[in-house]
Amino acid sequence: MIPQLPLALRWPRRQRFEHFHAGANAAALAAVHALALQPGAPWVYLHGASGSGRSHLLMAACQAAIAAERRVQYLPLATIADHAAALRGVAGSELLALDDLGAIAGNRDAEHALFDLYNRARAEGSALLFAADATLTRLGIELPDLRSRLGACTQFALKPLDDDERRMVLKAQAASRGIELDDSVLDWLFARYARDLGALLDLLDKLDQASLAAQRRITVPFLRGFLRELG
């Protein structure tokens, strides 16, 4: 049986297309958007390092497909114990998003189950969207027929936003809330805090609430004290 994730975990509010800052990934965004909404669009295989937006795009595709009244399922394979059973249990989806594909690499039963699922989805007119942390050639899939099937997908290498792009996003998001982030604040933050954009935007949410409660601007001393209390 496929585990059902809590709604808040399964569809985080920020994991939507409108919140994906594409940078160099505009072509990947367009392909995933088409797959979410257009029956018959090419299947997509995304790969990239942590923080590159893989899971964001998969969840965004699912949310967009649901809004278009399509049936969807999202399988976070890294958190599922019995991969073969989960893959064989998939049924009735018009869009199936498979995250962390590398989790099944080398698992003979799971690889055969995915091969069967791939063929079944083709026959039923469903769509598959894959994401992994490595290229297909480096993923470690051992079943040759499965490697061949996955190789037929349109493949995109996702690139994380660079520091200048992250700064621009943070400043724009802050400005939309009436917050001015000085360069000195961003310099201090980038030197001491995770640079994953999702983590930075989550931190901005908390900083916004804290600065409003304290009736203070976000300065380096305020940020330093806030992060100390945050632990």
Protein backbone atom coordinates (compact mmCIF):
# COMPACT_ATOMS: atom_id res chain seq x y z
CA MET A 1 0.00 0.00 0.00
CA ILE A 2 1.26 3.49 -0.86
CA PRO A 3 1.58 5.60 2.30
CA GLN A 4 -0.70 8.62 2.36
CA LEU A 5 1.20 11.72 3.42
CA PRO A 6 -0.49 14.41 5.51
CA LEU A 7 -1.85 17.18 3.31
CA ALA A 8 0.43 19.85 4.75
CA LEU A 9 3.49 17.68 4.11
CA ARG A 10 2.40 16.39 0.76
CA TRP A 11 1.53 19.71 -0.79
CA PRO A 12 3.54 22.48 0.91
CA ARG A 13 2.03 25.86 0.08
CA ARG A 14 5.22 27.16 -1.52
CA GLN A 15 5.76 24.11 -3.74
CA ARG A 16 3.84 25.55 -6.69
CA PHE A 17 4.91 26.64 -10.13
CA GLU A 18 4.43 30.32 -9.32
CA HIS A 19 6.94 29.99 -6.46
CA PHE A 20 9.60 28.25 -8.54
CA HIS A 21 12.37 30.69 -9.43
CA ALA A 22 13.67 29.15 -12.61
CA GLY A 23 17.00 30.85 -13.22
CA ALA A 24 18.80 28.54 -15.66
CA ASN A 25 16.00 25.96 -15.35
CA ALA A 26 13.37 27.65 -17.53
CA ALA A 27 13.29 24.82 -20.08
CA ALA A 28 12.79 22.21 -17.34
CA LEU A 29 10.00 24.29 -15.79
CA ALA A 30 8.22 24.56 -19.14
CA ALA A 31 8.49 20.81 -19.79
CA VAL A 32 7.18 19.85 -16.35
CA HIS A 33 4.36 22.40 -16.61
CA ALA A 34 3.32 20.88 -19.96
CA LEU A 35 3.46 17.36 -18.53
CA ALA A 36 1.22 18.38 -15.63
CA LEU A 37 -1.49 19.86 -17.84
CA GLN A 38 -1.26 18.38 -21.32
CA PRO A 39 -2.10 14.72 -21.95
CA GLY A 40 0.47 13.22 -24.28
CA ALA A 41 3.28 15.62 -23.32
CA PRO A 42 6.77 14.04 -23.20
CA TRP A 43 7.72 12.32 -19.96
CA VAL A 44 10.45 14.06 -17.97
CA TYR A 45 13.49 12.93 -15.96
CA LEU A 46 14.96 15.65 -13.70
CA HIS A 47 18.30 15.37 -11.96
CA GLY A 48 20.23 17.75 -9.79
CA ALA A 49 21.86 18.32 -6.43
CA SER A 50 19.99 18.95 -3.22
CA GLY A 51 18.42 22.40 -3.32
CA SER A 52 18.08 22.46 -7.10
CA GLY A 53 14.28 22.27 -6.96
CA ARG A 54 13.58 18.64 -7.91
CA SER A 55 10.91 17.97 -5.32
CA HIS A 56 9.50 21.47 -5.74
CA LEU A 57 8.81 20.84 -9.44
CA LEU A 58 7.29 17.41 -8.80
CA MET A 59 4.92 18.72 -6.14
CA ALA A 60 4.11 21.77 -8.25
CA ALA A 61 3.20 19.49 -11.14
CA CYS A 62 0.92 17.45 -8.90
CA GLN A 63 -0.83 20.53 -7.52
CA ALA A 64 -1.32 22.00 -11.00
CA ALA A 65 -2.68 18.69 -12.29
CA ILE A 66 -5.11 18.46 -9.39
CA ALA A 67 -6.31 22.00 -10.13
CA ALA A 68 -6.94 20.80 -13.70
CA GLU A 69 -8.99 17.92 -12.27
CA ARG A 70 -6.46 15.23 -13.15
CA ARG A 71 -5.77 12.28 -10.84
CA VAL A 72 -2.26 12.35 -9.41
CA GLN A 73 0.05 10.47 -7.07
CA TYR A 74 3.40 11.49 -5.61
CA LEU A 75 5.81 8.81 -4.38
CA PRO A 76 8.78 9.99 -2.29
CA LEU A 77 10.74 6.77 -2.80
CA ALA A 78 13.45 7.64 -0.25
CA THR A 79 10.85 7.48 2.54
CA ILE A 80 9.08 4.29 1.42
CA ALA A 81 10.22 0.98 2.90
CA ASP A 82 8.84 -1.51 0.38
CA HIS A 83 9.53 0.04 -3.00
CA ALA A 84 8.36 -2.91 -5.07
CA ALA A 85 5.01 -3.11 -3.28
CA ALA A 86 4.47 0.64 -3.57
CA LEU A 87 5.23 0.68 -7.28
CA ARG A 88 2.98 -2.30 -7.95
CA GLY A 89 0.20 -0.68 -5.93
CA VAL A 90 0.00 2.43 -8.10
CA ALA A 91 -3.24 2.58 -10.07
CA GLY A 92 -5.61 5.08 -11.61
CA SER A 93 -3.28 8.08 -11.82
CA GLU A 94 -3.15 10.36 -14.83
CA LEU A 95 0.10 11.83 -13.49
CA LEU A 96 2.54 9.93 -11.30
CA ALA A 97 5.55 11.76 -9.85
CA LEU A 98 8.40 9.55 -8.61
CA ASP A 99 10.88 11.39 -6.39
CA ASP A 100 14.35 10.18 -5.31
CA LEU A 101 14.52 7.51 -7.99
CA GLY A 102 17.98 6.47 -6.88
CA ALA A 103 16.43 4.86 -3.80
CA ILE A 104 15.46 1.81 -5.87
CA ALA A 105 18.78 1.44 -7.73
CA GLY A 106 20.10 -2.10 -7.33
CA ASN A 107 16.84 -3.39 -5.87
CA ARG A 108 15.92 -6.10 -8.38
CA ASP A 109 12.26 -6.41 -7.38
CA ALA A 110 11.72 -2.66 -7.31
CA GLU A 111 13.41 -2.15 -10.68
CA HIS A 112 11.21 -4.82 -12.26
CA ALA A 113 8.15 -3.25 -10.62
CA LEU A 114 9.05 0.16 -12.08
CA PHE A 115 9.65 -1.40 -15.50
CA ASP A 116 6.16 -2.94 -15.38
CA LEU A 117 4.67 0.35 -14.14
CA TYR A 118 6.35 2.24 -16.97
CA ASN A 119 4.88 -0.09 -19.58
CA ARG A 120 1.46 -0.03 -17.94
CA ALA A 121 1.44 3.76 -17.83
CA ARG A 122 2.28 3.91 -21.53
CA ALA A 123 -0.53 1.52 -22.36
CA GLU A 124 -3.05 3.43 -20.21
CA GLY A 125 -2.05 6.89 -21.40
CA SER A 126 -0.79 8.02 -17.99
CA ALA A 127 2.17 10.36 -17.51
CA LEU A 128 5.32 9.75 -15.48
CA LEU A 129 7.62 12.38 -14.00
CA PHE A 130 10.92 11.29 -12.45
CA ALA A 131 13.47 13.04 -10.24
CA ALA A 132 16.85 11.88 -8.96
CA ASP A 133 20.09 13.29 -7.63
CA ALA A 134 22.17 11.88 -10.49
CA THR A 135 22.11 11.44 -14.22
CA LEU A 136 20.60 8.24 -15.51
CA THR A 137 24.04 6.85 -16.41
CA ARG A 138 25.24 7.39 -12.82
CA LEU A 139 22.06 6.41 -11.02
CA GLY A 140 22.94 2.74 -10.62
CA ILE A 141 19.84 1.21 -12.24
CA GLU A 142 20.87 -2.34 -13.14
CA LEU A 143 17.96 -3.56 -15.27
CA PRO A 144 18.95 -2.78 -18.89
CA ASP A 145 15.36 -2.59 -20.14
CA LEU A 146 14.47 -0.10 -17.41
CA ARG A 147 17.51 2.05 -18.21
CA SER A 148 16.39 2.04 -21.84
CA ARG A 149 12.85 3.10 -20.92
CA LEU A 150 14.04 5.89 -18.64
CA GLY A 151 16.46 7.04 -21.32
CA ALA A 152 13.51 7.75 -23.58
CA CYS A 153 12.35 10.53 -21.22
CA THR A 154 13.28 14.15 -21.83
CA GLN A 155 16.13 14.79 -19.40
CA PHE A 156 17.03 18.03 -17.63
CA ALA A 157 19.91 18.88 -15.31
CA LEU A 158 18.62 21.28 -12.66
CA LYS A 159 20.99 23.97 -11.43
CA PRO A 160 20.55 25.69 -8.06
CA LEU A 161 20.24 29.46 -8.14
CA ASP A 162 23.53 31.22 -7.56
CA ASP A 163 24.04 33.64 -4.66
CA ASP A 164 23.15 36.72 -6.70
CA GLU A 165 19.89 35.11 -7.84
CA ARG A 166 19.03 34.07 -4.28
CA ARG A 167 19.67 37.60 -3.10
CA MET A 168 17.36 38.99 -5.77
CA VAL A 169 14.60 36.55 -4.79
CA LEU A 170 14.94 37.30 -1.08
CA LYS A 171 14.92 41.07 -1.66
CA ALA A 172 11.85 40.82 -3.90
CA GLN A 173 10.01 38.60 -1.43
CA ALA A 174 10.91 40.92 1.44
CA ALA A 175 9.86 44.01 -0.52
CA SER A 176 6.47 42.42 -1.21
CA ARG A 177 5.98 42.33 2.58
CA GLY A 178 7.22 45.88 3.10
CA ILE A 179 10.59 44.71 4.44
CA GLU A 180 13.89 46.24 3.36
CA LEU A 181 16.81 43.85 3.52
CA ASP A 182 20.13 45.67 3.49
CA ASP A 183 23.10 44.10 1.74
CA SER A 184 24.87 43.91 5.11
CA VAL A 185 22.05 41.71 6.45
CA LEU A 186 22.24 39.43 3.42
CA ASP A 187 26.04 39.27 3.63
CA TRP A 188 25.82 38.17 7.27
CA LEU A 189 23.01 35.73 6.57
CA PHE A 190 24.68 34.06 3.59
CA ALA A 191 27.89 33.59 5.56
CA ARG A 192 26.18 31.80 8.44
CA TYR A 193 22.94 30.18 7.27
CA ALA A 194 21.90 27.47 4.83
CA ARG A 195 21.77 28.83 1.29
CA ASP A 196 18.98 26.56 0.09
CA LEU A 197 16.35 28.95 -1.23
CA GLY A 198 13.47 27.12 0.41
CA ALA A 199 15.17 27.33 3.81
CA LEU A 200 15.93 31.02 3.27
CA LEU A 201 12.33 31.80 2.35
CA ASP A 202 11.06 29.87 5.37
CA LEU A 203 13.44 31.91 7.52
CA LEU A 204 12.09 35.12 5.94
CA ASP A 205 8.57 34.09 6.98
CA LYS A 206 9.73 33.73 10.59
CA LEU A 207 11.75 36.94 10.50
CA ASP A 208 8.73 38.83 9.20
CA GLN A 209 6.60 37.64 12.11
CA ALA A 210 9.34 38.29 14.68
CA SER A 211 10.12 41.81 13.44
CA LEU A 212 6.42 42.71 13.43
CA ALA A 213 6.02 41.38 16.97
CA ALA A 214 9.10 43.28 18.18
CA GLN A 215 8.32 46.38 16.07
CA ARG A 216 11.93 46.37 14.86
CA ARG A 217 13.68 46.48 11.51
CA ILE A 218 15.63 43.42 10.39
CA THR A 219 19.22 44.39 11.09
CA VAL A 220 22.32 42.27 11.67
CA PRO A 221 21.97 42.49 15.51
CA PHE A 222 18.27 41.58 15.26
CA LEU A 223 19.05 38.69 12.93
CA ARG A 224 21.88 37.47 15.15
CA GLY A 225 19.64 37.43 18.20
CA PHE A 226 16.78 35.82 16.32
CA LEU A 227 18.93 32.95 15.02
CA ARG A 228 20.40 32.46 18.51
CA GLU A 229 16.90 32.04 19.93
CA LEU A 230 15.91 29.83 17.01
CA GLY A 231 18.66 27.46 18.06
